[in-house]
Amino acid sequence: MLLQHPWPGNVCELENVISSACITTAGDFVDLADLPEHLQHRGARSLSGDEWRPLSLEEVRKMHIQRVLEMCQGNRLRAAQILGIGRTSLYRYLKRDGCDTSKVKPGSAET
């Protein structure tokens, strides 16, 4: 349900929903019932076809790194900081994934 919401308030709204759910949950895990009502009643996405498939952790890692790099407009130093890894670790992941680490997108500061 969290993935389906457009999050118009962006990170602040998501943070508030998660904080509230953590405070109000009666169990050890946050469940759908712990979320605000407007999130509980959204139409469920179809889990068939190409829309969803189980991913390996390697695939998830690769996709996440690529999304963070896009968000950082190719700035690998900033992406590494956001990912919580060292720049050399990021380069190692990119090399393992077959990404060209020699090219830096315009405007990305490499230090």
PDB file of N, CA and C in Angstrom:
ATOM      1  N   MET A   1       0.814  -1.186   0.000  1.00  0.00           N
ATOM      2  CA  MET A   1       0.000   0.000   0.000  1.00  0.00           C
ATOM      3  C   MET A   1       0.864   1.258   0.000  1.00  0.00           C
ATOM      4  N   LEU A   2       1.971   1.216   0.691  1.00  0.00           N
ATOM      5  CA  LEU A   2       2.853   2.384   0.737  1.00  0.00           C
ATOM      6  C   LEU A   2       3.432   2.699  -0.639  1.00  0.00           C
ATOM      7  N   LEU A   3       3.711   1.667  -1.427  1.00  0.00           N
ATOM      8  CA  LEU A   3       4.261   1.880  -2.758  1.00  0.00           C
ATOM      9  C   LEU A   3       3.243   2.478  -3.722  1.00  0.00           C
ATOM     10  N   GLN A   4       1.968   2.255  -3.484  1.00  0.00           N
ATOM     11  CA  GLN A   4       0.933   2.736  -4.380  1.00  0.00           C
ATOM     12  C   GLN A   4       0.588   4.203  -4.158  1.00  0.00           C
ATOM     13  N   HIS A   5       0.883   4.726  -3.005  1.00  0.00           N
ATOM     14  CA  HIS A   5       0.532   6.105  -2.684  1.00  0.00           C
ATOM     15  C   HIS A   5       1.478   7.066  -3.395  1.00  0.00           C
ATOM     16  N   PRO A   6       0.971   8.170  -3.973  1.00  0.00           N
ATOM     17  CA  PRO A   6       1.853   9.097  -4.699  1.00  0.00           C
ATOM     18  C   PRO A   6       2.736   9.965  -3.802  1.00  0.00           C
ATOM     19  N   TRP A   7       2.469  10.049  -2.524  1.00  0.00           N
ATOM     20  CA  TRP A   7       3.245  10.816  -1.551  1.00  0.00           C
ATOM     21  C   TRP A   7       3.427  12.270  -1.967  1.00  0.00           C
ATOM     22  N   PRO A   8       2.316  13.016  -2.036  1.00  0.00           N
ATOM     23  CA  PRO A   8       2.425  14.419  -2.420  1.00  0.00           C
ATOM     24  C   PRO A   8       3.239  15.245  -1.427  1.00  0.00           C
ATOM     25  N   GLY A   9       3.288  14.813  -0.181  1.00  0.00           N
ATOM     26  CA  GLY A   9       4.095  15.501   0.824  1.00  0.00           C
ATOM     27  C   GLY A   9       5.526  15.000   0.846  1.00  0.00           C
ATOM     28  N   ASN A  10       5.833  14.071  -0.054  1.00  0.00           N
ATOM     29  CA  ASN A  10       7.156  13.509  -0.235  1.00  0.00           C
ATOM     30  C   ASN A  10       7.661  12.838   1.041  1.00  0.00           C
ATOM     31  N   VAL A  11       8.896  13.033   1.375  1.00  0.00           N
ATOM     32  CA  VAL A  11       9.532  12.315   2.479  1.00  0.00           C
ATOM     33  C   VAL A  11       8.902  12.679   3.822  1.00  0.00           C
ATOM     34  N   CYS A  12       8.528  13.924   4.000  1.00  0.00           N
ATOM     35  CA  CYS A  12       7.936  14.339   5.280  1.00  0.00           C
ATOM     36  C   CYS A  12       6.637  13.595   5.548  1.00  0.00           C
ATOM     37  N   GLU A  13       5.799  13.468   4.525  1.00  0.00           N
ATOM     38  CA  GLU A  13       4.533  12.750   4.699  1.00  0.00           C
ATOM     39  C   GLU A  13       4.787  11.284   5.000  1.00  0.00           C
ATOM     40  N   LEU A  14       5.693  10.663   4.259  1.00  0.00           N
ATOM     41  CA  LEU A  14       6.025   9.259   4.499  1.00  0.00           C
ATOM     42  C   LEU A  14       6.564   9.070   5.910  1.00  0.00           C
ATOM     43  N   GLU A  15       7.459   9.958   6.326  1.00  0.00           N
ATOM     44  CA  GLU A  15       8.031   9.876   7.676  1.00  0.00           C
ATOM     45  C   GLU A  15       6.941   9.981   8.739  1.00  0.00           C
ATOM     46  N   ASN A  16       5.999  10.879   8.559  1.00  0.00           N
ATOM     47  CA  ASN A  16       4.907  11.035   9.520  1.00  0.00           C
ATOM     48  C   ASN A  16       4.028   9.798   9.580  1.00  0.00           C
ATOM     49  N   VAL A  17       3.730   9.212   8.416  1.00  0.00           N
ATOM     50  CA  VAL A  17       2.893   8.006   8.390  1.00  0.00           C
ATOM     51  C   VAL A  17       3.600   6.859   9.100  1.00  0.00           C
ATOM     52  N   ILE A  18       4.875   6.669   8.818  1.00  0.00           N
ATOM     53  CA  ILE A  18       5.632   5.583   9.447  1.00  0.00           C
ATOM     54  C   ILE A  18       5.752   5.808  10.955  1.00  0.00           C
ATOM     55  N   SER A  19       6.070   7.026  11.356  1.00  0.00           N
ATOM     56  CA  SER A  19       6.191   7.335  12.790  1.00  0.00           C
ATOM     57  C   SER A  19       4.889   7.080  13.516  1.00  0.00           C
ATOM     58  N   SER A  20       3.807   7.559  12.930  1.00  0.00           N
ATOM     59  CA  SER A  20       2.490   7.372  13.544  1.00  0.00           C
ATOM     60  C   SER A  20       2.140   5.889  13.646  1.00  0.00           C
ATOM     61  N   ALA A  21       2.404   5.140  12.573  1.00  0.00           N
ATOM     62  CA  ALA A  21       2.091   3.711  12.574  1.00  0.00           C
ATOM     63  C   ALA A  21       2.917   2.971  13.619  1.00  0.00           C
ATOM     64  N   CYS A  22       4.170   3.349  13.781  1.00  0.00           N
ATOM     65  CA  CYS A  22       5.031   2.706  14.779  1.00  0.00           C
ATOM     66  C   CYS A  22       4.533   2.970  16.203  1.00  0.00           C
ATOM     67  N   ILE A  23       4.025   4.165  16.408  1.00  0.00           N
ATOM     68  CA  ILE A  23       3.530   4.533  17.735  1.00  0.00           C
ATOM     69  C   ILE A  23       2.217   3.830  18.052  1.00  0.00           C
ATOM     70  N   THR A  24       1.338   3.719  17.059  1.00  0.00           N
ATOM     71  CA  THR A  24       0.000   3.186  17.318  1.00  0.00           C
ATOM     72  C   THR A  24      -0.113   1.674  17.178  1.00  0.00           C
ATOM     73  N   THR A  25       0.876   1.021  16.597  1.00  0.00           N
ATOM     74  CA  THR A  25       0.765  -0.424  16.410  1.00  0.00           C
ATOM     75  C   THR A  25       0.727  -1.148  17.759  1.00  0.00           C
ATOM     76  N   ALA A  26      -0.072  -2.192  17.803  1.00  0.00           N
ATOM     77  CA  ALA A  26      -0.189  -2.970  19.036  1.00  0.00           C
ATOM     78  C   ALA A  26       0.801  -4.135  19.055  1.00  0.00           C
ATOM     79  N   GLY A  27       1.337  -4.482  17.899  1.00  0.00           N
ATOM     80  CA  GLY A  27       2.236  -5.626  17.817  1.00  0.00           C
ATOM     81  C   GLY A  27       3.671  -5.212  17.563  1.00  0.00           C
ATOM     82  N   ASP A  28       4.441  -6.190  17.144  1.00  0.00           N
ATOM     83  CA  ASP A  28       5.853  -5.952  16.847  1.00  0.00           C
ATOM     84  C   ASP A  28       6.075  -5.439  15.426  1.00  0.00           C
ATOM     85  N   PHE A  29       5.045  -5.545  14.590  1.00  0.00           N
ATOM     86  CA  PHE A  29       5.149  -5.149  13.195  1.00  0.00           C
ATOM     87  C   PHE A  29       4.033  -4.179  12.836  1.00  0.00           C
ATOM     88  N   VAL A  30       4.327  -3.272  11.915  1.00  0.00           N
ATOM     89  CA  VAL A  30       3.317  -2.362  11.393  1.00  0.00           C
ATOM     90  C   VAL A  30       2.493  -3.126  10.368  1.00  0.00           C
ATOM     91  N   ASP A  31       1.168  -3.067  10.529  1.00  0.00           N
ATOM     92  CA  ASP A  31       0.260  -3.763   9.628  1.00  0.00           C
ATOM     93  C   ASP A  31      -0.592  -2.727   8.897  1.00  0.00           C
ATOM     94  N   LEU A  32      -1.329  -3.171   7.916  1.00  0.00           N
ATOM     95  CA  LEU A  32      -2.185  -2.288   7.140  1.00  0.00           C
ATOM     96  C   LEU A  32      -3.149  -1.516   8.042  1.00  0.00           C
ATOM     97  N   ALA A  33      -3.657  -2.153   9.070  1.00  0.00           N
ATOM     98  CA  ALA A  33      -4.606  -1.504   9.987  1.00  0.00           C
ATOM     99  C   ALA A  33      -3.962  -0.373  10.782  1.00  0.00           C
ATOM    100  N   ASP A  34      -2.644  -0.338  10.861  1.00  0.00           N
ATOM    101  CA  ASP A  34      -1.937   0.715  11.595  1.00  0.00           C
ATOM    102  C   ASP A  34      -1.742   1.973  10.753  1.00  0.00           C
ATOM    103  N   LEU A  35      -1.997   1.878   9.456  1.00  0.00           N
ATOM    104  CA  LEU A  35      -1.828   3.017   8.559  1.00  0.00           C
ATOM    105  C   LEU A  35      -3.077   3.891   8.566  1.00  0.00           C
ATOM    106  N   PRO A  36      -2.967   5.157   8.163  1.00  0.00           N
ATOM    107  CA  PRO A  36      -4.144   6.025   8.083  1.00  0.00           C
ATOM    108  C   PRO A  36      -5.187   5.438   7.119  1.00  0.00           C
ATOM    109  N   GLU A  37      -6.448   5.749   7.355  1.00  0.00           N
ATOM    110  CA  GLU A  37      -7.531   5.164   6.558  1.00  0.00           C
ATOM    111  C   GLU A  37      -7.390   5.428   5.074  1.00  0.00           C
ATOM    112  N   HIS A  38      -6.920   6.621   4.697  1.00  0.00           N
ATOM    113  CA  HIS A  38      -6.818   6.922   3.268  1.00  0.00           C
ATOM    114  C   HIS A  38      -5.802   6.029   2.560  1.00  0.00           C
ATOM    115  N   LEU A  39      -4.916   5.410   3.311  1.00  0.00           N
ATOM    116  CA  LEU A  39      -3.964   4.469   2.718  1.00  0.00           C
ATOM    117  C   LEU A  39      -4.476   3.033   2.762  1.00  0.00           C
ATOM    118  N   GLN A  40      -5.356   2.752   3.707  1.00  0.00           N
ATOM    119  CA  GLN A  40      -5.862   1.393   3.869  1.00  0.00           C
ATOM    120  C   GLN A  40      -6.814   0.978   2.754  1.00  0.00           C
ATOM    121  N   HIS A  41      -7.501   1.925   2.154  1.00  0.00           N
ATOM    122  CA  HIS A  41      -8.586   1.588   1.232  1.00  0.00           C
ATOM    123  C   HIS A  41      -8.267   1.857  -0.226  1.00  0.00           C
ATOM    124  N   ARG A  42      -7.014   1.963  -0.568  1.00  0.00           N
ATOM    125  CA  ARG A  42      -6.650   2.136  -1.977  1.00  0.00           C
ATOM    126  C   ARG A  42      -6.858   0.813  -2.699  1.00  0.00           C
ATOM    127  N   GLY A  43      -7.159   0.895  -3.978  1.00  0.00           N
ATOM    128  CA  GLY A  43      -7.348  -0.315  -4.780  1.00  0.00           C
ATOM    129  C   GLY A  43      -6.055  -1.101  -4.861  1.00  0.00           C
ATOM    130  N   ALA A  44      -6.142  -2.386  -4.669  1.00  0.00           N
ATOM    131  CA  ALA A  44      -4.956  -3.241  -4.721  1.00  0.00           C
ATOM    132  C   ALA A  44      -4.477  -3.374  -6.153  1.00  0.00           C
ATOM    133  N   ARG A  45      -3.174  -3.293  -6.344  1.00  0.00           N
ATOM    134  CA  ARG A  45      -2.593  -3.494  -7.670  1.00  0.00           C
ATOM    135  C   ARG A  45      -2.617  -4.972  -8.004  1.00  0.00           C
ATOM    136  N   SER A  46      -2.707  -5.233  -9.255  1.00  0.00           N
ATOM    137  CA  SER A  46      -2.646  -6.610  -9.721  1.00  0.00           C
ATOM    138  C   SER A  46      -1.237  -7.136  -9.522  1.00  0.00           C
ATOM    139  N   LEU A  47      -1.123  -8.332  -9.008  1.00  0.00           N
ATOM    140  CA  LEU A  47       0.183  -8.929  -8.787  1.00  0.00           C
ATOM    141  C   LEU A  47       0.492  -9.968  -9.851  1.00  0.00           C
ATOM    142  N   SER A  48      -0.141  -9.822 -11.018  1.00  0.00           N
ATOM    143  CA  SER A  48       0.089 -10.782 -12.082  1.00  0.00           C
ATOM    144  C   SER A  48       0.836 -10.120 -13.228  1.00  0.00           C
ATOM    145  N   GLY A  49       1.323 -10.939 -14.143  1.00  0.00           N
ATOM    146  CA  GLY A  49       1.989 -10.423 -15.324  1.00  0.00           C
ATOM    147  C   GLY A  49       3.354  -9.842 -15.013  1.00  0.00           C
ATOM    148  N   ASP A  50       3.753  -8.857 -15.836  1.00  0.00           N
ATOM    149  CA  ASP A  50       5.071  -8.259 -15.712  1.00  0.00           C
ATOM    150  C   ASP A  50       5.144  -7.195 -14.629  1.00  0.00           C
ATOM    151  N   GLU A  51       3.999  -6.822 -14.066  1.00  0.00           N
ATOM    152  CA  GLU A  51       3.983  -5.737 -13.087  1.00  0.00           C
ATOM    153  C   GLU A  51       4.734  -6.086 -11.816  1.00  0.00           C
ATOM    154  N   TRP A  52       4.679  -7.341 -11.396  1.00  0.00           N
ATOM    155  CA  TRP A  52       5.361  -7.746 -10.176  1.00  0.00           C
ATOM    156  C   TRP A  52       5.949  -9.123 -10.370  1.00  0.00           C
ATOM    157  N   ARG A  53       7.145  -9.274  -9.862  1.00  0.00           N
ATOM    158  CA  ARG A  53       7.791 -10.584  -9.812  1.00  0.00           C
ATOM    159  C   ARG A  53       8.784 -10.559  -8.667  1.00  0.00           C
ATOM    160  N   PRO A  54       9.036 -11.700  -8.067  1.00  0.00           N
ATOM    161  CA  PRO A  54      10.024 -11.716  -6.987  1.00  0.00           C
ATOM    162  C   PRO A  54      11.406 -11.401  -7.551  1.00  0.00           C
ATOM    163  N   LEU A  55      12.162 -10.621  -6.803  1.00  0.00           N
ATOM    164  CA  LEU A  55      13.504 -10.231  -7.216  1.00  0.00           C
ATOM    165  C   LEU A  55      14.527 -10.763  -6.234  1.00  0.00           C
ATOM    166  N   SER A  56      15.697 -11.087  -6.757  1.00  0.00           N
ATOM    167  CA  SER A  56      16.784 -11.478  -5.873  1.00  0.00           C
ATOM    168  C   SER A  56      17.311 -10.224  -5.187  1.00  0.00           C
ATOM    169  N   LEU A  57      18.036 -10.401  -4.105  1.00  0.00           N
ATOM    170  CA  LEU A  57      18.629  -9.253  -3.420  1.00  0.00           C
ATOM    171  C   LEU A  57      19.614  -8.524  -4.324  1.00  0.00           C
ATOM    172  N   GLU A  58      20.309  -9.255  -5.178  1.00  0.00           N
ATOM    173  CA  GLU A  58      21.238  -8.637  -6.126  1.00  0.00           C
ATOM    174  C   GLU A  58      20.485  -7.707  -7.085  1.00  0.00           C
ATOM    175  N   GLU A  59      19.325  -8.161  -7.577  1.00  0.00           N
ATOM    176  CA  GLU A  59      18.533  -7.332  -8.485  1.00  0.00           C
ATOM    177  C   GLU A  59      18.008  -6.090  -7.777  1.00  0.00           C
ATOM    178  N   VAL A  60      17.549  -6.265  -6.541  1.00  0.00           N
ATOM    179  CA  VAL A  60      17.050  -5.135  -5.763  1.00  0.00           C
ATOM    180  C   VAL A  60      18.170  -4.131  -5.518  1.00  0.00           C
ATOM    181  N   ARG A  61      19.349  -4.630  -5.139  1.00  0.00           N
ATOM    182  CA  ARG A  61      20.498  -3.750  -4.906  1.00  0.00           C
ATOM    183  C   ARG A  61      20.849  -2.973  -6.159  1.00  0.00           C
ATOM    184  N   LYS A  62      20.925  -3.671  -7.285  1.00  0.00           N
ATOM    185  CA  LYS A  62      21.278  -3.027  -8.543  1.00  0.00           C
ATOM    186  C   LYS A  62      20.268  -1.942  -8.907  1.00  0.00           C
ATOM    187  N   MET A  63      18.981  -2.259  -8.806  1.00  0.00           N
ATOM    188  CA  MET A  63      17.932  -1.283  -9.129  1.00  0.00           C
ATOM    189  C   MET A  63      17.998  -0.090  -8.185  1.00  0.00           C
ATOM    190  N   HIS A  64      18.219  -0.353  -6.910  1.00  0.00           N
ATOM    191  CA  HIS A  64      18.262   0.725  -5.923  1.00  0.00           C
ATOM    192  C   HIS A  64      19.442   1.656  -6.195  1.00  0.00           C
ATOM    193  N   ILE A  65      20.599   1.095  -6.476  1.00  0.00           N
ATOM    194  CA  ILE A  65      21.768   1.914  -6.777  1.00  0.00           C
ATOM    195  C   ILE A  65      21.505   2.769  -8.008  1.00  0.00           C
ATOM    196  N   GLN A  66      20.920   2.184  -9.042  1.00  0.00           N
ATOM    197  CA  GLN A  66      20.633   2.947 -10.262  1.00  0.00           C
ATOM    198  C   GLN A  66      19.650   4.084  -9.989  1.00  0.00           C
ATOM    199  N   ARG A  67      18.630   3.828  -9.189  1.00  0.00           N
ATOM    200  CA  ARG A  67      17.648   4.874  -8.864  1.00  0.00           C
ATOM    201  C   ARG A  67      18.286   6.001  -8.059  1.00  0.00           C
ATOM    202  N   VAL A  68      19.138   5.642  -7.103  1.00  0.00           N
ATOM    203  CA  VAL A  68      19.812   6.679  -6.310  1.00  0.00           C
ATOM    204  C   VAL A  68      20.752   7.486  -7.196  1.00  0.00           C
ATOM    205  N   LEU A  69      21.462   6.827  -8.104  1.00  0.00           N
ATOM    206  CA  LEU A  69      22.334   7.547  -9.032  1.00  0.00           C
ATOM    207  C   LEU A  69      21.534   8.509  -9.913  1.00  0.00           C
ATOM    208  N   GLU A  70      20.377   8.068 -10.384  1.00  0.00           N
ATOM    209  CA  GLU A  70      19.525   8.943 -11.185  1.00  0.00           C
ATOM    210  C   GLU A  70      19.060  10.131 -10.352  1.00  0.00           C
ATOM    211  N   MET A  71      18.664   9.865  -9.113  1.00  0.00           N
ATOM    212  CA  MET A  71      18.212  10.926  -8.221  1.00  0.00           C
ATOM    213  C   MET A  71      19.329  11.942  -7.991  1.00  0.00           C
ATOM    214  N   CYS A  72      20.571  11.463  -7.940  1.00  0.00           N
ATOM    215  CA  CYS A  72      21.735  12.330  -7.711  1.00  0.00           C
ATOM    216  C   CYS A  72      22.306  12.869  -9.018  1.00  0.00           C
ATOM    217  N   GLN A  73      21.606  12.658 -10.107  1.00  0.00           N
ATOM    218  CA  GLN A  73      22.027  13.123 -11.427  1.00  0.00           C
ATOM    219  C   GLN A  73      23.435  12.654 -11.771  1.00  0.00           C
ATOM    220  N   GLY A  74      23.741  11.417 -11.399  1.00  0.00           N
ATOM    221  CA  GLY A  74      25.023  10.822 -11.731  1.00  0.00           C
ATOM    222  C   GLY A  74      26.157  11.128 -10.773  1.00  0.00           C
ATOM    223  N   ASN A  75      25.906  11.914  -9.752  1.00  0.00           N
ATOM    224  CA  ASN A  75      26.949  12.260  -8.785  1.00  0.00           C
ATOM    225  C   ASN A  75      27.203  11.048  -7.894  1.00  0.00           C
ATOM    226  N   ARG A  76      28.273  10.339  -8.190  1.00  0.00           N
ATOM    227  CA  ARG A  76      28.547   9.076  -7.497  1.00  0.00           C
ATOM    228  C   ARG A  76      28.957   9.274  -6.040  1.00  0.00           C
ATOM    229  N   LEU A  77      29.620  10.360  -5.745  1.00  0.00           N
ATOM    230  CA  LEU A  77      29.997  10.637  -4.359  1.00  0.00           C
ATOM    231  C   LEU A  77      28.738  10.849  -3.511  1.00  0.00           C
ATOM    232  N   ARG A  78      27.815  11.647  -4.010  1.00  0.00           N
ATOM    233  CA  ARG A  78      26.566  11.904  -3.286  1.00  0.00           C
ATOM    234  C   ARG A  78      25.741  10.620  -3.173  1.00  0.00           C
ATOM    235  N   ALA A  79      25.688   9.847  -4.253  1.00  0.00           N
ATOM    236  CA  ALA A  79      24.944   8.584  -4.233  1.00  0.00           C
ATOM    237  C   ALA A  79      25.513   7.643  -3.180  1.00  0.00           C
ATOM    238  N   ALA A  80      26.835   7.555  -3.096  1.00  0.00           N
ATOM    239  CA  ALA A  80      27.466   6.692  -2.091  1.00  0.00           C
ATOM    240  C   ALA A  80      27.107   7.154  -0.691  1.00  0.00           C
ATOM    241  N   GLN A  81      27.076   8.473  -0.478  1.00  0.00           N
ATOM    242  CA  GLN A  81      26.705   9.005   0.843  1.00  0.00           C
ATOM    243  C   GLN A  81      25.273   8.625   1.190  1.00  0.00           C
ATOM    244  N   ILE A  82      24.360   8.781   0.244  1.00  0.00           N
ATOM    245  CA  ILE A  82      22.952   8.443   0.486  1.00  0.00           C
ATOM    246  C   ILE A  82      22.801   6.950   0.748  1.00  0.00           C
ATOM    247  N   LEU A  83      23.546   6.132  -0.006  1.00  0.00           N
ATOM    248  CA  LEU A  83      23.470   4.684   0.161  1.00  0.00           C
ATOM    249  C   LEU A  83      24.154   4.199   1.436  1.00  0.00           C
ATOM    250  N   GLY A  84      24.965   5.069   2.034  1.00  0.00           N
ATOM    251  CA  GLY A  84      25.663   4.696   3.263  1.00  0.00           C
ATOM    252  C   GLY A  84      26.843   3.773   3.019  1.00  0.00           C
ATOM    253  N   ILE A  85      27.440   3.902   1.832  1.00  0.00           N
ATOM    254  CA  ILE A  85      28.610   3.097   1.499  1.00  0.00           C
ATOM    255  C   ILE A  85      29.722   4.024   1.029  1.00  0.00           C
ATOM    256  N   GLY A  86      30.928   3.522   0.987  1.00  0.00           N
ATOM    257  CA  GLY A  86      32.048   4.303   0.482  1.00  0.00           C
ATOM    258  C   GLY A  86      31.999   4.399  -1.037  1.00  0.00           C
ATOM    259  N   ARG A  87      32.651   5.415  -1.563  1.00  0.00           N
ATOM    260  CA  ARG A  87      32.666   5.615  -3.005  1.00  0.00           C
ATOM    261  C   ARG A  87      33.301   4.423  -3.711  1.00  0.00           C
ATOM    262  N   THR A  88      34.359   3.858  -3.129  1.00  0.00           N
ATOM    263  CA  THR A  88      35.000   2.709  -3.767  1.00  0.00           C
ATOM    264  C   THR A  88      34.069   1.494  -3.778  1.00  0.00           C
ATOM    265  N   SER A  89      33.262   1.348  -2.743  1.00  0.00           N
ATOM    266  CA  SER A  89      32.283   0.256  -2.732  1.00  0.00           C
ATOM    267  C   SER A  89      31.255   0.455  -3.834  1.00  0.00           C
ATOM    268  N   LEU A  90      30.821   1.693  -4.014  1.00  0.00           N
ATOM    269  CA  LEU A  90      29.863   1.992  -5.085  1.00  0.00           C
ATOM    270  C   LEU A  90      30.470   1.645  -6.437  1.00  0.00           C
ATOM    271  N   TYR A  91      31.720   2.036  -6.659  1.00  0.00           N
ATOM    272  CA  TYR A  91      32.388   1.707  -7.922  1.00  0.00           C
ATOM    273  C   TYR A  91      32.488   0.192  -8.108  1.00  0.00           C
ATOM    274  N   ARG A  92      32.764  -0.515  -7.036  1.00  0.00           N
ATOM    275  CA  ARG A  92      32.869  -1.975  -7.105  1.00  0.00           C
ATOM    276  C   ARG A  92      31.519  -2.589  -7.505  1.00  0.00           C
ATOM    277  N   TYR A  93      30.430  -2.102  -6.895  1.00  0.00           N
ATOM    278  CA  TYR A  93      29.092  -2.582  -7.268  1.00  0.00           C
ATOM    279  C   TYR A  93      28.786  -2.274  -8.727  1.00  0.00           C
ATOM    280  N   LEU A  94      29.109  -1.054  -9.155  1.00  0.00           N
ATOM    281  CA  LEU A  94      28.831  -0.668 -10.536  1.00  0.00           C
ATOM    282  C   LEU A  94      29.619  -1.531 -11.518  1.00  0.00           C
ATOM    283  N   LYS A  95      30.869  -1.817 -11.188  1.00  0.00           N
ATOM    284  CA  LYS A  95      31.687  -2.658 -12.055  1.00  0.00           C
ATOM    285  C   LYS A  95      31.115  -4.070 -12.105  1.00  0.00           C
ATOM    286  N   ARG A  96      30.715  -4.599 -10.954  1.00  0.00           N
ATOM    287  CA  ARG A  96      30.128  -5.939 -10.881  1.00  0.00           C
ATOM    288  C   ARG A  96      28.842  -6.014 -11.699  1.00  0.00           C
ATOM    289  N   ASP A  97      28.084  -4.908 -11.711  1.00  0.00           N
ATOM    290  CA  ASP A  97      26.814  -4.875 -12.439  1.00  0.00           C
ATOM    291  C   ASP A  97      26.992  -4.577 -13.920  1.00  0.00           C
ATOM    292  N   GLY A  98      28.245  -4.343 -14.339  1.00  0.00           N
ATOM    293  CA  GLY A  98      28.511  -4.084 -15.740  1.00  0.00           C
ATOM    294  C   GLY A  98      28.287  -2.650 -16.163  1.00  0.00           C
ATOM    295  N   CYS A  99      28.241  -1.727 -15.200  1.00  0.00           N
ATOM    296  CA  CYS A  99      28.070  -0.312 -15.519  1.00  0.00           C
ATOM    297  C   CYS A  99      29.436   0.298 -15.795  1.00  0.00           C
ATOM    298  N   ASP A 100      29.475   1.260 -16.715  1.00  0.00           N
ATOM    299  CA  ASP A 100      30.730   1.926 -17.057  1.00  0.00           C
ATOM    300  C   ASP A 100      31.057   2.942 -15.975  1.00  0.00           C
ATOM    301  N   THR A 101      32.083   2.673 -15.184  1.00  0.00           N
ATOM    302  CA  THR A 101      32.447   3.584 -14.093  1.00  0.00           C
ATOM    303  C   THR A 101      33.381   4.683 -14.546  1.00  0.00           C
ATOM    304  N   SER A 102      33.845   4.630 -15.799  1.00  0.00           N
ATOM    305  CA  SER A 102      34.769   5.673 -16.263  1.00  0.00           C
ATOM    306  C   SER A 102      34.026   6.920 -16.710  1.00  0.00           C
ATOM    307  N   LYS A 103      32.758   6.775 -17.052  1.00  0.00           N
ATOM    308  CA  LYS A 103      31.987   7.921 -17.517  1.00  0.00           C
ATOM    309  C   LYS A 103      31.273   8.569 -16.338  1.00  0.00           C
ATOM    310  N   VAL A 104      31.359   9.883 -16.272  1.00  0.00           N
ATOM    311  CA  VAL A 104      30.676  10.641 -15.249  1.00  0.00           C
ATOM    312  C   VAL A 104      29.742  11.576 -15.968  1.00  0.00           C
ATOM    313  N   LYS A 105      28.479  11.610 -15.560  1.00  0.00           N
ATOM    314  CA  LYS A 105      27.508  12.482 -16.207  1.00  0.00           C
ATOM    315  C   LYS A 105      27.867  13.936 -15.962  1.00  0.00           C
ATOM    316  N   PRO A 106      27.525  14.823 -16.899  1.00  0.00           N
ATOM    317  CA  PRO A 106      27.807  16.239 -16.720  1.00  0.00           C
ATOM    318  C   PRO A 106      27.191  16.766 -15.440  1.00  0.00           C
ATOM    319  N   GLY A 107      27.949  17.622 -14.768  1.00  0.00           N
ATOM    320  CA  GLY A 107      27.446  18.237 -13.542  1.00  0.00           C
ATOM    321  C   GLY A 107      27.650  17.402 -12.307  1.00  0.00           C
ATOM    322  N   SER A 108      28.245  16.243 -12.433  1.00  0.00           N
ATOM    323  CA  SER A 108      28.448  15.404 -11.246  1.00  0.00           C
ATOM    324  C   SER A 108      29.861  15.615 -10.735  1.00  0.00           C
ATOM    325  N   ALA A 109      29.943  16.057  -9.518  1.00  0.00           N
ATOM    326  CA  ALA A 109      31.248  16.358  -8.925  1.00  0.00           C
ATOM    327  C   ALA A 109      31.861  15.083  -8.386  1.00  0.00           C
ATOM    328  N   GLU A 110      33.000  14.710  -8.889  1.00  0.00           N
ATOM    329  CA  GLU A 110      33.739  13.560  -8.387  1.00  0.00           C
ATOM    330  C   GLU A 110      34.957  14.070  -7.641  1.00  0.00           C
ATOM    331  N   THR A 111      35.052  13.767  -6.382  1.00  0.00           N
ATOM    332  CA  THR A 111      36.208  14.189  -5.593  1.00  0.00           C
ATOM    333  C   THR A 111      36.769  13.018  -4.848  1.00  0.00           C
TER     334      THR A 111
END
